[in-house]
Amino acid sequence: MSYKFLIHYGFHFIAPLLVAIAFFKSDWKKVYLIFILTMLVDIDHLLANPIYDPYRCSVGFHPLHSYYAIGVYFFMLIPKKTRIIALGLLMHMLA
């Protein structure tokens, strides 16, 4: 198992957990679940050939990982109703 693998999946699972616990103390379980569900954005990987390429950066390659989509995710931080989803999507893009 490579260090890149550990870092990448640490950002996918451990970092959102730490953010949920640190900033959403009373609802951390609900927030963490939402963060994990934002990984469904990876559904756009099914459009690629090959579906999974460990050396390909998803940002700028897949439609839901495009710079336009990331811009939308930033605007989703503004309304309170979409803020947690936006934060989860942006953490996913960072990973």
PDB file of N, CA and C in Angstrom:
ATOM      1  N   MET A   1       0.857  -1.180   0.000  1.00  0.00           N
ATOM      2  CA  MET A   1       0.000   0.000   0.000  1.00  0.00           C
ATOM      3  C   MET A   1       0.903   1.243   0.000  1.00  0.00           C
ATOM      4  N   SER A   2       0.647   2.142  -0.919  1.00  0.00           N
ATOM      5  CA  SER A   2       1.504   3.312  -1.054  1.00  0.00           C
ATOM      6  C   SER A   2       1.063   4.443  -0.133  1.00  0.00           C
ATOM      7  N   TYR A   3       1.987   5.352   0.121  1.00  0.00           N
ATOM      8  CA  TYR A   3       1.652   6.511   0.952  1.00  0.00           C
ATOM      9  C   TYR A   3       0.643   7.404   0.250  1.00  0.00           C
ATOM     10  N   LYS A   4       0.685   7.473  -1.101  1.00  0.00           N
ATOM     11  CA  LYS A   4      -0.293   8.278  -1.846  1.00  0.00           C
ATOM     12  C   LYS A   4      -1.705   7.750  -1.619  1.00  0.00           C
ATOM     13  N   PHE A   5      -1.852   6.435  -1.627  1.00  0.00           N
ATOM     14  CA  PHE A   5      -3.144   5.796  -1.383  1.00  0.00           C
ATOM     15  C   PHE A   5      -3.656   6.167   0.008  1.00  0.00           C
ATOM     16  N   LEU A   6      -2.785   6.065   0.999  1.00  0.00           N
ATOM     17  CA  LEU A   6      -3.175   6.375   2.374  1.00  0.00           C
ATOM     18  C   LEU A   6      -3.548   7.840   2.548  1.00  0.00           C
ATOM     19  N   ILE A   7      -2.783   8.723   1.939  1.00  0.00           N
ATOM     20  CA  ILE A   7      -3.079  10.156   2.028  1.00  0.00           C
ATOM     21  C   ILE A   7      -4.389  10.470   1.322  1.00  0.00           C
ATOM     22  N   HIS A   8      -4.558   9.924   0.115  1.00  0.00           N
ATOM     23  CA  HIS A   8      -5.765  10.201  -0.664  1.00  0.00           C
ATOM     24  C   HIS A   8      -7.020   9.750   0.076  1.00  0.00           C
ATOM     25  N   TYR A   9      -7.029   8.524   0.536  1.00  0.00           N
ATOM     26  CA  TYR A   9      -8.227   8.027   1.215  1.00  0.00           C
ATOM     27  C   TYR A   9      -8.357   8.569   2.633  1.00  0.00           C
ATOM     28  N   GLY A  10      -7.257   9.007   3.211  1.00  0.00           N
ATOM     29  CA  GLY A  10      -7.333   9.725   4.482  1.00  0.00           C
ATOM     30  C   GLY A  10      -8.090  11.030   4.303  1.00  0.00           C
ATOM     31  N   PHE A  11      -7.811  11.722   3.181  1.00  0.00           N
ATOM     32  CA  PHE A  11      -8.543  12.954   2.883  1.00  0.00           C
ATOM     33  C   PHE A  11     -10.014  12.675   2.583  1.00  0.00           C
ATOM     34  N   HIS A  12     -10.309  11.491   2.070  1.00  0.00           N
ATOM     35  CA  HIS A  12     -11.703  11.160   1.771  1.00  0.00           C
ATOM     36  C   HIS A  12     -12.506  10.776   3.015  1.00  0.00           C
ATOM     37  N   PHE A  13     -11.874  10.123   3.983  1.00  0.00           N
ATOM     38  CA  PHE A  13     -12.625   9.599   5.122  1.00  0.00           C
ATOM     39  C   PHE A  13     -12.238  10.212   6.468  1.00  0.00           C
ATOM     40  N   ILE A  14     -10.954  10.393   6.714  1.00  0.00           N
ATOM     41  CA  ILE A  14     -10.515  10.866   8.023  1.00  0.00           C
ATOM     42  C   ILE A  14     -10.650  12.383   8.152  1.00  0.00           C
ATOM     43  N   ALA A  15     -10.230  13.133   7.133  1.00  0.00           N
ATOM     44  CA  ALA A  15     -10.343  14.594   7.190  1.00  0.00           C
ATOM     45  C   ALA A  15     -11.797  15.049   7.371  1.00  0.00           C
ATOM     46  N   PRO A  16     -12.763  14.499   6.610  1.00  0.00           N
ATOM     47  CA  PRO A  16     -14.160  14.904   6.847  1.00  0.00           C
ATOM     48  C   PRO A  16     -14.638  14.563   8.264  1.00  0.00           C
ATOM     49  N   LEU A  17     -14.172  13.447   8.794  1.00  0.00           N
ATOM     50  CA  LEU A  17     -14.548  13.079  10.165  1.00  0.00           C
ATOM     51  C   LEU A  17     -14.011  14.113  11.150  1.00  0.00           C
ATOM     52  N   LEU A  18     -12.766  14.507  10.977  1.00  0.00           N
ATOM     53  CA  LEU A  18     -12.164  15.497  11.874  1.00  0.00           C
ATOM     54  C   LEU A  18     -12.859  16.851  11.757  1.00  0.00           C
ATOM     55  N   VAL A  19     -13.215  17.249  10.532  1.00  0.00           N
ATOM     56  CA  VAL A  19     -13.931  18.514  10.329  1.00  0.00           C
ATOM     57  C   VAL A  19     -15.307  18.444  10.979  1.00  0.00           C
ATOM     58  N   ALA A  20     -16.000  17.320  10.793  1.00  0.00           N
ATOM     59  CA  ALA A  20     -17.339  17.158  11.376  1.00  0.00           C
ATOM     60  C   ALA A  20     -17.276  17.240  12.903  1.00  0.00           C
ATOM     61  N   ILE A  21     -16.320  16.561  13.495  1.00  0.00           N
ATOM     62  CA  ILE A  21     -16.201  16.565  14.958  1.00  0.00           C
ATOM     63  C   ILE A  21     -15.787  17.942  15.470  1.00  0.00           C
ATOM     64  N   ALA A  22     -14.860  18.596  14.769  1.00  0.00           N
ATOM     65  CA  ALA A  22     -14.336  19.875  15.241  1.00  0.00           C
ATOM     66  C   ALA A  22     -15.327  21.025  15.105  1.00  0.00           C
ATOM     67  N   PHE A  23     -16.086  21.051  14.027  1.00  0.00           N
ATOM     68  CA  PHE A  23     -16.929  22.220  13.742  1.00  0.00           C
ATOM     69  C   PHE A  23     -18.430  21.990  13.901  1.00  0.00           C
ATOM     70  N   PHE A  24     -18.845  20.732  14.005  1.00  0.00           N
ATOM     71  CA  PHE A  24     -20.270  20.421  14.129  1.00  0.00           C
ATOM     72  C   PHE A  24     -20.462  19.447  15.290  1.00  0.00           C
ATOM     73  N   LYS A  25     -20.012  19.852  16.456  1.00  0.00           N
ATOM     74  CA  LYS A  25     -19.966  18.974  17.627  1.00  0.00           C
ATOM     75  C   LYS A  25     -21.297  18.283  17.948  1.00  0.00           C
ATOM     76  N   SER A  26     -22.385  19.009  17.909  1.00  0.00           N
ATOM     77  CA  SER A  26     -23.672  18.426  18.306  1.00  0.00           C
ATOM     78  C   SER A  26     -24.252  17.505  17.227  1.00  0.00           C
ATOM     79  N   ASP A  27     -23.958  17.772  15.971  1.00  0.00           N
ATOM     80  CA  ASP A  27     -24.508  16.977  14.867  1.00  0.00           C
ATOM     81  C   ASP A  27     -23.417  16.305  14.045  1.00  0.00           C
ATOM     82  N   TRP A  28     -22.296  15.980  14.629  1.00  0.00           N
ATOM     83  CA  TRP A  28     -21.158  15.511  13.858  1.00  0.00           C
ATOM     84  C   TRP A  28     -21.460  14.237  13.086  1.00  0.00           C
ATOM     85  N   LYS A  29     -22.282  13.342  13.636  1.00  0.00           N
ATOM     86  CA  LYS A  29     -22.590  12.091  12.927  1.00  0.00           C
ATOM     87  C   LYS A  29     -23.383  12.365  11.657  1.00  0.00           C
ATOM     88  N   LYS A  30     -24.375  13.241  11.754  1.00  0.00           N
ATOM     89  CA  LYS A  30     -25.191  13.614  10.594  1.00  0.00           C
ATOM     90  C   LYS A  30     -24.326  14.321   9.548  1.00  0.00           C
ATOM     91  N   VAL A  31     -23.492  15.246   9.981  1.00  0.00           N
ATOM     92  CA  VAL A  31     -22.628  15.988   9.064  1.00  0.00           C
ATOM     93  C   VAL A  31     -21.625  15.048   8.400  1.00  0.00           C
ATOM     94  N   TYR A  32     -21.052  14.135   9.167  1.00  0.00           N
ATOM     95  CA  TYR A  32     -20.096  13.181   8.592  1.00  0.00           C
ATOM     96  C   TYR A  32     -20.784  12.310   7.543  1.00  0.00           C
ATOM     97  N   LEU A  33     -22.005  11.878   7.812  1.00  0.00           N
ATOM     98  CA  LEU A  33     -22.753  11.084   6.839  1.00  0.00           C
ATOM     99  C   LEU A  33     -22.968  11.884   5.550  1.00  0.00           C
ATOM    100  N   ILE A  34     -23.316  13.154   5.672  1.00  0.00           N
ATOM    101  CA  ILE A  34     -23.490  14.010   4.489  1.00  0.00           C
ATOM    102  C   ILE A  34     -22.167  14.139   3.742  1.00  0.00           C
ATOM    103  N   PHE A  35     -21.081  14.332   4.473  1.00  0.00           N
ATOM    104  CA  PHE A  35     -19.768  14.415   3.838  1.00  0.00           C
ATOM    105  C   PHE A  35     -19.461  13.139   3.047  1.00  0.00           C
ATOM    106  N   ILE A  36     -19.750  11.991   3.644  1.00  0.00           N
ATOM    107  CA  ILE A  36     -19.499  10.712   2.968  1.00  0.00           C
ATOM    108  C   ILE A  36     -20.403  10.584   1.737  1.00  0.00           C
ATOM    109  N   LEU A  37     -21.655  11.013   1.856  1.00  0.00           N
ATOM    110  CA  LEU A  37     -22.583  10.924   0.724  1.00  0.00           C
ATOM    111  C   LEU A  37     -22.172  11.830  -0.433  1.00  0.00           C
ATOM    112  N   THR A  38     -21.429  12.901  -0.145  1.00  0.00           N
ATOM    113  CA  THR A  38     -20.983  13.760  -1.245  1.00  0.00           C
ATOM    114  C   THR A  38     -19.989  13.038  -2.149  1.00  0.00           C
ATOM    115  N   MET A  39     -19.476  11.911  -1.720  1.00  0.00           N
ATOM    116  CA  MET A  39     -18.600  11.123  -2.581  1.00  0.00           C
ATOM    117  C   MET A  39     -19.358  10.510  -3.748  1.00  0.00           C
ATOM    118  N   LEU A  40     -20.686  10.575  -3.702  1.00  0.00           N
ATOM    119  CA  LEU A  40     -21.473  10.120  -4.847  1.00  0.00           C
ATOM    120  C   LEU A  40     -21.186  10.946  -6.085  1.00  0.00           C
ATOM    121  N   VAL A  41     -20.529  12.084  -5.907  1.00  0.00           N
ATOM    122  CA  VAL A  41     -20.117  12.908  -7.043  1.00  0.00           C
ATOM    123  C   VAL A  41     -19.182  12.107  -7.960  1.00  0.00           C
ATOM    124  N   ASP A  42     -18.596  11.051  -7.453  1.00  0.00           N
ATOM    125  CA  ASP A  42     -17.713  10.205  -8.257  1.00  0.00           C
ATOM    126  C   ASP A  42     -18.469   9.360  -9.276  1.00  0.00           C
ATOM    127  N   ILE A  43     -19.783   9.477  -9.316  1.00  0.00           N
ATOM    128  CA  ILE A  43     -20.580   8.754 -10.308  1.00  0.00           C
ATOM    129  C   ILE A  43     -20.118   9.120 -11.723  1.00  0.00           C
ATOM    130  N   ASP A  44     -19.572  10.317 -11.884  1.00  0.00           N
ATOM    131  CA  ASP A  44     -19.111  10.735 -13.209  1.00  0.00           C
ATOM    132  C   ASP A  44     -17.878   9.961 -13.681  1.00  0.00           C
ATOM    133  N   HIS A  45     -17.266   9.202 -12.806  1.00  0.00           N
ATOM    134  CA  HIS A  45     -16.143   8.356 -13.207  1.00  0.00           C
ATOM    135  C   HIS A  45     -16.609   7.266 -14.158  1.00  0.00           C
ATOM    136  N   LEU A  46     -17.899   6.930 -14.098  1.00  0.00           N
ATOM    137  CA  LEU A  46     -18.438   5.893 -14.983  1.00  0.00           C
ATOM    138  C   LEU A  46     -18.414   6.327 -16.447  1.00  0.00           C
ATOM    139  N   LEU A  47     -18.268   7.618 -16.706  1.00  0.00           N
ATOM    140  CA  LEU A  47     -18.217   8.131 -18.069  1.00  0.00           C
ATOM    141  C   LEU A  47     -16.821   8.036 -18.678  1.00  0.00           C
ATOM    142  N   ALA A  48     -15.830   7.738 -17.856  1.00  0.00           N
ATOM    143  CA  ALA A  48     -14.440   7.708 -18.320  1.00  0.00           C
ATOM    144  C   ALA A  48     -14.031   6.310 -18.764  1.00  0.00           C
ATOM    145  N   ASN A  49     -13.017   6.279 -19.600  1.00  0.00           N
ATOM    146  CA  ASN A  49     -12.454   5.009 -20.024  1.00  0.00           C
ATOM    147  C   ASN A  49     -10.940   5.104 -19.868  1.00  0.00           C
ATOM    148  N   PRO A  50     -10.339   4.379 -18.969  1.00  0.00           N
ATOM    149  CA  PRO A  50     -10.921   3.450 -18.016  1.00  0.00           C
ATOM    150  C   PRO A  50     -11.656   4.181 -16.891  1.00  0.00           C
ATOM    151  N   ILE A  51     -12.553   3.468 -16.249  1.00  0.00           N
ATOM    152  CA  ILE A  51     -13.343   4.063 -15.170  1.00  0.00           C
ATOM    153  C   ILE A  51     -12.427   4.550 -14.055  1.00  0.00           C
ATOM    154  N   TYR A  52     -11.433   3.733 -13.701  1.00  0.00           N
ATOM    155  CA  TYR A  52     -10.503   4.114 -12.634  1.00  0.00           C
ATOM    156  C   TYR A  52      -9.087   4.108 -13.176  1.00  0.00           C
ATOM    157  N   ASP A  53      -8.410   5.195 -12.996  1.00  0.00           N
ATOM    158  CA  ASP A  53      -7.000   5.305 -13.349  1.00  0.00           C
ATOM    159  C   ASP A  53      -6.298   5.970 -12.169  1.00  0.00           C
ATOM    160  N   PRO A  54      -5.471   5.214 -11.442  1.00  0.00           N
ATOM    161  CA  PRO A  54      -4.852   5.766 -10.236  1.00  0.00           C
ATOM    162  C   PRO A  54      -3.916   6.945 -10.501  1.00  0.00           C
ATOM    163  N   TYR A  55      -3.511   7.144 -11.746  1.00  0.00           N
ATOM    164  CA  TYR A  55      -2.581   8.220 -12.069  1.00  0.00           C
ATOM    165  C   TYR A  55      -3.277   9.449 -12.662  1.00  0.00           C
ATOM    166  N   ARG A  56      -4.598   9.376 -12.824  1.00  0.00           N
ATOM    167  CA  ARG A  56      -5.340  10.489 -13.418  1.00  0.00           C
ATOM    168  C   ARG A  56      -5.913  11.373 -12.318  1.00  0.00           C
ATOM    169  N   CYS A  57      -5.755  12.674 -12.481  1.00  0.00           N
ATOM    170  CA  CYS A  57      -6.377  13.613 -11.557  1.00  0.00           C
ATOM    171  C   CYS A  57      -7.802  13.862 -12.041  1.00  0.00           C
ATOM    172  N   SER A  58      -8.764  13.671 -11.169  1.00  0.00           N
ATOM    173  CA  SER A  58     -10.164  13.830 -11.535  1.00  0.00           C
ATOM    174  C   SER A  58     -10.533  15.281 -11.815  1.00  0.00           C
ATOM    175  N   VAL A  59      -9.891  16.213 -11.113  1.00  0.00           N
ATOM    176  CA  VAL A  59     -10.225  17.635 -11.269  1.00  0.00           C
ATOM    177  C   VAL A  59      -9.866  18.074 -12.686  1.00  0.00           C
ATOM    178  N   GLY A  60     -10.864  18.612 -13.370  1.00  0.00           N
ATOM    179  CA  GLY A  60     -10.674  19.050 -14.734  1.00  0.00           C
ATOM    180  C   GLY A  60     -10.873  17.953 -15.766  1.00  0.00           C
ATOM    181  N   PHE A  61     -11.074  16.718 -15.317  1.00  0.00           N
ATOM    182  CA  PHE A  61     -11.253  15.607 -16.252  1.00  0.00           C
ATOM    183  C   PHE A  61     -12.703  15.146 -16.297  1.00  0.00           C
ATOM    184  N   HIS A  62     -13.291  14.915 -15.139  1.00  0.00           N
ATOM    185  CA  HIS A  62     -14.672  14.444 -15.059  1.00  0.00           C
ATOM    186  C   HIS A  62     -15.620  15.643 -14.956  1.00  0.00           C
ATOM    187  N   PRO A  63     -16.851  15.523 -15.512  1.00  0.00           N
ATOM    188  CA  PRO A  63     -17.779  16.662 -15.518  1.00  0.00           C
ATOM    189  C   PRO A  63     -18.098  17.232 -14.129  1.00  0.00           C
ATOM    190  N   LEU A  64     -18.356  16.388 -13.148  1.00  0.00           N
ATOM    191  CA  LEU A  64     -18.686  16.879 -11.809  1.00  0.00           C
ATOM    192  C   LEU A  64     -17.448  17.287 -11.018  1.00  0.00           C
ATOM    193  N   HIS A  65     -16.283  17.116 -11.633  1.00  0.00           N
ATOM    194  CA  HIS A  65     -15.015  17.541 -11.043  1.00  0.00           C
ATOM    195  C   HIS A  65     -14.413  18.689 -11.860  1.00  0.00           C
ATOM    196  N   SER A  66     -15.216  19.287 -12.732  1.00  0.00           N
ATOM    197  CA  SER A  66     -14.722  20.370 -13.592  1.00  0.00           C
ATOM    198  C   SER A  66     -14.581  21.656 -12.785  1.00  0.00           C
ATOM    199  N   TYR A  67     -13.842  22.591 -13.341  1.00  0.00           N
ATOM    200  CA  TYR A  67     -13.656  23.874 -12.659  1.00  0.00           C
ATOM    201  C   TYR A  67     -14.981  24.628 -12.566  1.00  0.00           C
ATOM    202  N   TYR A  68     -15.856  24.448 -13.552  1.00  0.00           N
ATOM    203  CA  TYR A  68     -17.183  25.074 -13.489  1.00  0.00           C
ATOM    204  C   TYR A  68     -17.996  24.500 -12.329  1.00  0.00           C
ATOM    205  N   ALA A  69     -17.962  23.181 -12.197  1.00  0.00           N
ATOM    206  CA  ALA A  69     -18.689  22.534 -11.107  1.00  0.00           C
ATOM    207  C   ALA A  69     -18.131  22.985  -9.755  1.00  0.00           C
ATOM    208  N   ILE A  70     -16.824  23.090  -9.648  1.00  0.00           N
ATOM    209  CA  ILE A  70     -16.203  23.540  -8.400  1.00  0.00           C
ATOM    210  C   ILE A  70     -16.644  24.966  -8.082  1.00  0.00           C
ATOM    211  N   GLY A  71     -16.778  25.794  -9.101  1.00  0.00           N
ATOM    212  CA  GLY A  71     -17.296  27.152  -8.900  1.00  0.00           C
ATOM    213  C   GLY A  71     -18.708  27.133  -8.332  1.00  0.00           C
ATOM    214  N   VAL A  72     -19.541  26.227  -8.846  1.00  0.00           N
ATOM    215  CA  VAL A  72     -20.901  26.077  -8.322  1.00  0.00           C
ATOM    216  C   VAL A  72     -20.850  25.631  -6.865  1.00  0.00           C
ATOM    217  N   TYR A  73     -19.939  24.716  -6.546  1.00  0.00           N
ATOM    218  CA  TYR A  73     -19.819  24.238  -5.163  1.00  0.00           C
ATOM    219  C   TYR A  73     -19.445  25.390  -4.228  1.00  0.00           C
ATOM    220  N   PHE A  74     -18.606  26.321  -4.705  1.00  0.00           N
ATOM    221  CA  PHE A  74     -18.265  27.489  -3.885  1.00  0.00           C
ATOM    222  C   PHE A  74     -19.495  28.361  -3.637  1.00  0.00           C
ATOM    223  N   PHE A  75     -20.307  28.570  -4.674  1.00  0.00           N
ATOM    224  CA  PHE A  75     -21.530  29.360  -4.500  1.00  0.00           C
ATOM    225  C   PHE A  75     -22.530  28.660  -3.585  1.00  0.00           C
ATOM    226  N   MET A  76     -22.460  27.339  -3.527  1.00  0.00           N
ATOM    227  CA  MET A  76     -23.348  26.584  -2.633  1.00  0.00           C
ATOM    228  C   MET A  76     -22.998  26.815  -1.163  1.00  0.00           C
ATOM    229  N   LEU A  77     -21.853  27.405  -0.880  1.00  0.00           N
ATOM    230  CA  LEU A  77     -21.488  27.727   0.501  1.00  0.00           C
ATOM    231  C   LEU A  77     -22.334  28.870   1.054  1.00  0.00           C
ATOM    232  N   ILE A  78     -22.919  29.676   0.180  1.00  0.00           N
ATOM    233  CA  ILE A  78     -23.643  30.873   0.611  1.00  0.00           C
ATOM    234  C   ILE A  78     -24.962  30.535   1.317  1.00  0.00           C
ATOM    235  N   PRO A  79     -25.878  29.773   0.685  1.00  0.00           N
ATOM    236  CA  PRO A  79     -27.123  29.450   1.410  1.00  0.00           C
ATOM    237  C   PRO A  79     -26.851  28.439   2.526  1.00  0.00           C
ATOM    238  N   LYS A  80     -27.445  28.654   3.653  1.00  0.00           N
ATOM    239  CA  LYS A  80     -27.224  27.776   4.802  1.00  0.00           C
ATOM    240  C   LYS A  80     -27.675  26.337   4.517  1.00  0.00           C
ATOM    241  N   LYS A  81     -28.732  26.188   3.707  1.00  0.00           N
ATOM    242  CA  LYS A  81     -29.276  24.856   3.408  1.00  0.00           C
ATOM    243  C   LYS A  81     -28.302  23.971   2.634  1.00  0.00           C
ATOM    244  N   THR A  82     -27.428  24.562   1.840  1.00  0.00           N
ATOM    245  CA  THR A  82     -26.508  23.769   1.022  1.00  0.00           C
ATOM    246  C   THR A  82     -25.057  23.836   1.503  1.00  0.00           C
ATOM    247  N   ARG A  83     -24.811  24.519   2.586  1.00  0.00           N
ATOM    248  CA  ARG A  83     -23.438  24.766   3.051  1.00  0.00           C
ATOM    249  C   ARG A  83     -22.680  23.480   3.387  1.00  0.00           C
ATOM    250  N   ILE A  84     -23.304  22.549   4.089  1.00  0.00           N
ATOM    251  CA  ILE A  84     -22.607  21.317   4.486  1.00  0.00           C
ATOM    252  C   ILE A  84     -22.321  20.453   3.263  1.00  0.00           C
ATOM    253  N   ILE A  85     -23.268  20.388   2.333  1.00  0.00           N
ATOM    254  CA  ILE A  85     -23.051  19.631   1.095  1.00  0.00           C
ATOM    255  C   ILE A  85     -21.900  20.257   0.315  1.00  0.00           C
ATOM    256  N   ALA A  86     -21.911  21.577   0.198  1.00  0.00           N
ATOM    257  CA  ALA A  86     -20.849  22.275  -0.529  1.00  0.00           C
ATOM    258  C   ALA A  86     -19.493  22.021   0.117  1.00  0.00           C
ATOM    259  N   LEU A  87     -19.449  22.069   1.423  1.00  0.00           N
ATOM    260  CA  LEU A  87     -18.190  21.820   2.127  1.00  0.00           C
ATOM    261  C   LEU A  87     -17.694  20.400   1.851  1.00  0.00           C
ATOM    262  N   GLY A  88     -18.606  19.441   1.879  1.00  0.00           N
ATOM    263  CA  GLY A  88     -18.234  18.064   1.564  1.00  0.00           C
ATOM    264  C   GLY A  88     -17.717  17.911   0.138  1.00  0.00           C
ATOM    265  N   LEU A  89     -18.396  18.562  -0.809  1.00  0.00           N
ATOM    266  CA  LEU A  89     -17.956  18.489  -2.206  1.00  0.00           C
ATOM    267  C   LEU A  89     -16.590  19.151  -2.396  1.00  0.00           C
ATOM    268  N   LEU A  90     -16.380  20.275  -1.745  1.00  0.00           N
ATOM    269  CA  LEU A  90     -15.093  20.960  -1.879  1.00  0.00           C
ATOM    270  C   LEU A  90     -13.963  20.174  -1.220  1.00  0.00           C
ATOM    271  N   MET A  91     -14.230  19.534  -0.088  1.00  0.00           N
ATOM    272  CA  MET A  91     -13.203  18.692   0.529  1.00  0.00           C
ATOM    273  C   MET A  91     -12.890  17.521  -0.397  1.00  0.00           C
ATOM    274  N   HIS A  92     -13.925  16.989  -1.052  1.00  0.00           N
ATOM    275  CA  HIS A  92     -13.716  15.881  -1.989  1.00  0.00           C
ATOM    276  C   HIS A  92     -12.843  16.328  -3.158  1.00  0.00           C
ATOM    277  N   MET A  93     -13.094  17.525  -3.678  1.00  0.00           N
ATOM    278  CA  MET A  93     -12.278  18.031  -4.785  1.00  0.00           C
ATOM    279  C   MET A  93     -10.823  18.247  -4.343  1.00  0.00           C
ATOM    280  N   LEU A  94     -10.644  18.669  -3.125  1.00  0.00           N
ATOM    281  CA  LEU A  94      -9.299  18.846  -2.593  1.00  0.00           C
ATOM    282  C   LEU A  94      -8.561  17.506  -2.482  1.00  0.00           C
ATOM    283  N   ALA A  95      -9.295  16.476  -2.111  1.00  0.00           N
ATOM    284  CA  ALA A  95      -8.684  15.154  -1.987  1.00  0.00           C
ATOM    285  C   ALA A  95      -8.219  14.651  -3.350  1.00  0.00           C
TER     286      ALA A  95
END
